[in-house]
Each structure stands twice: as structure tokens, then as C-alpha cells.
Amino acid sequence: HSFVGTALSTQGTVIDLELRSSTDSKGRSSSVYYPVVKFAPSSGEQTIFKSNTGSNPPAFTKGQQVEVLY
């Protein structure tokens, strides 16, 4: 909660969806899509980050505008 209260906000763009696969201890495999987002913080330098939260089906599409808190 403290991060959200003090974070700056800007618009970013989903530039890719990274597909990651994993296998659990019972041998079941699953695939999850993680958005890769590009944005420019107030310093103006372009920044790209890979989200550590993913989903299947993907929650975002390439080219989608998203709010970024930093």
C-alpha cells in the first residue's frame, strides 16, 4: 500500500507477451504469458520491464496501453 501511495504514474505499451512453461512436481506442464512493457519515466529514458505476474489466457495484448506505477 505504501508503494501505491507514493508511486508516480505514466502510460506504457505492451510490446510483447513472453510465454513461459513450467512443470510441477507431478509432471503436469503449464504455460503462462507475461507482459513485456515499455514506458518512459519522468527522467525521459525509455524503460522496458518484464512483469513477474502472468496469466493464461493472456490478460493483455501487444500494443495495449497500460498504466505503469514506478
C-alpha atoms as a PDB file:
ATOM      1  CA  HIS A   1       0.000   0.000   0.000  1.00  0.00           C
ATOM      2  CA  SER A   2       2.819   2.405   0.731  1.00  0.00           C
ATOM      3  CA  PHE A   3       4.290   1.964  -2.786  1.00  0.00           C
ATOM      4  CA  VAL A   4       0.979   2.790  -4.480  1.00  0.00           C
ATOM      5  CA  GLY A   5       0.591   5.854  -2.290  1.00  0.00           C
ATOM      6  CA  THR A   6       3.972   7.303  -3.276  1.00  0.00           C
ATOM      7  CA  ALA A   7       4.456   5.930  -6.823  1.00  0.00           C
ATOM      8  CA  LEU A   8       4.445   8.045  -9.956  1.00  0.00           C
ATOM      9  CA  SER A   9       2.158   7.024 -12.820  1.00  0.00           C
ATOM     10  CA  THR A  10       2.617   7.038 -16.593  1.00  0.00           C
ATOM     11  CA  GLN A  11       1.322   5.213 -19.653  1.00  0.00           C
ATOM     12  CA  GLY A  12       3.188   2.242 -21.052  1.00  0.00           C
ATOM     13  CA  THR A  13       2.754  -0.060 -24.026  1.00  0.00           C
ATOM     14  CA  VAL A  14       2.731  -3.852 -24.001  1.00  0.00           C
ATOM     15  CA  ILE A  15       5.409  -4.663 -26.595  1.00  0.00           C
ATOM     16  CA  ASP A  16       5.499  -8.442 -26.191  1.00  0.00           C
ATOM     17  CA  LEU A  17       3.976 -11.385 -24.336  1.00  0.00           C
ATOM     18  CA  GLU A  18       6.635 -13.752 -23.037  1.00  0.00           C
ATOM     19  CA  LEU A  19       5.461 -17.361 -22.876  1.00  0.00           C
ATOM     20  CA  ARG A  20       6.980 -19.328 -20.003  1.00  0.00           C
ATOM     21  CA  SER A  21       6.359 -23.016 -19.437  1.00  0.00           C
ATOM     22  CA  SER A  22       6.880 -24.963 -16.255  1.00  0.00           C
ATOM     23  CA  THR A  23       6.311 -28.455 -14.934  1.00  0.00           C
ATOM     24  CA  ASP A  24       5.059 -29.138 -11.438  1.00  0.00           C
ATOM     25  CA  SER A  25       6.196 -31.934  -9.124  1.00  0.00           C
ATOM     26  CA  LYS A  26       3.544 -34.278 -10.568  1.00  0.00           C
ATOM     27  CA  GLY A  27       4.832 -33.792 -14.133  1.00  0.00           C
ATOM     28  CA  ARG A  28       1.982 -31.541 -15.258  1.00  0.00           C
ATOM     29  CA  SER A  29       3.059 -28.717 -17.547  1.00  0.00           C
ATOM     30  CA  SER A  30       1.514 -25.288 -17.825  1.00  0.00           C
ATOM     31  CA  SER A  31       2.180 -22.181 -19.878  1.00  0.00           C
ATOM     32  CA  VAL A  32       1.759 -18.596 -18.714  1.00  0.00           C
ATOM     33  CA  TYR A  33       2.023 -15.308 -20.652  1.00  0.00           C
ATOM     34  CA  TYR A  34       3.941 -12.439 -19.035  1.00  0.00           C
ATOM     35  CA  PRO A  35       3.610  -8.939 -20.499  1.00  0.00           C
ATOM     36  CA  VAL A  36       6.736  -7.002 -21.502  1.00  0.00           C
ATOM     37  CA  VAL A  37       6.069  -3.269 -21.113  1.00  0.00           C
ATOM     38  CA  LYS A  38       7.895  -0.200 -22.438  1.00  0.00           C
ATOM     39  CA  PHE A  39       7.437   3.191 -20.793  1.00  0.00           C
ATOM     40  CA  ALA A  40       9.230   6.480 -20.233  1.00  0.00           C
ATOM     41  CA  PRO A  41       9.557   7.620 -16.606  1.00  0.00           C
ATOM     42  CA  SER A  42       9.775  11.329 -15.800  1.00  0.00           C
ATOM     43  CA  SER A  43      13.535  11.168 -16.482  1.00  0.00           C
ATOM     44  CA  GLY A  44      12.588  10.558 -20.126  1.00  0.00           C
ATOM     45  CA  GLU A  45      14.746   7.471 -20.670  1.00  0.00           C
ATOM     46  CA  GLN A  46      12.829   4.569 -22.246  1.00  0.00           C
ATOM     47  CA  THR A  47      12.496   1.622 -19.874  1.00  0.00           C
ATOM     48  CA  ILE A  48      11.447  -1.943 -20.656  1.00  0.00           C
ATOM     49  CA  PHE A  49      10.422  -4.422 -17.983  1.00  0.00           C
ATOM     50  CA  LYS A  50       9.054  -7.943 -17.881  1.00  0.00           C
ATOM     51  CA  SER A  51       6.191  -8.357 -15.473  1.00  0.00           C
ATOM     52  CA  ASN A  52       6.581 -11.000 -12.791  1.00  0.00           C
ATOM     53  CA  THR A  53       2.830 -11.636 -12.940  1.00  0.00           C
ATOM     54  CA  GLY A  54       1.396 -13.626 -15.813  1.00  0.00           C
ATOM     55  CA  SER A  55      -1.774 -15.425 -16.845  1.00  0.00           C
ATOM     56  CA  ASN A  56      -3.254 -17.877 -19.303  1.00  0.00           C
ATOM     57  CA  PRO A  57      -5.067 -16.738 -21.320  1.00  0.00           C
ATOM     58  CA  PRO A  58      -3.007 -13.527 -21.546  1.00  0.00           C
ATOM     59  CA  ALA A  59      -4.526 -10.565 -19.706  1.00  0.00           C
ATOM     60  CA  PHE A  60      -3.063  -8.086 -22.223  1.00  0.00           C
ATOM     61  CA  THR A  61      -2.463  -7.797 -25.965  1.00  0.00           C
ATOM     62  CA  LYS A  62       0.549  -6.474 -27.851  1.00  0.00           C
ATOM     63  CA  GLY A  63       0.151  -2.750 -28.430  1.00  0.00           C
ATOM     64  CA  GLN A  64      -2.222  -2.289 -25.493  1.00  0.00           C
ATOM     65  CA  GLN A  65      -1.749   0.856 -23.410  1.00  0.00           C
ATOM     66  CA  VAL A  66      -1.405   0.198 -19.680  1.00  0.00           C
ATOM     67  CA  GLU A  67      -0.889   2.289 -16.568  1.00  0.00           C
ATOM     68  CA  VAL A  68       2.574   1.898 -15.056  1.00  0.00           C
ATOM     69  CA  LEU A  69       3.389   2.799 -11.468  1.00  0.00           C
ATOM     70  CA  TYR A  70       7.054   3.382 -10.684  1.00  0.00           C
END
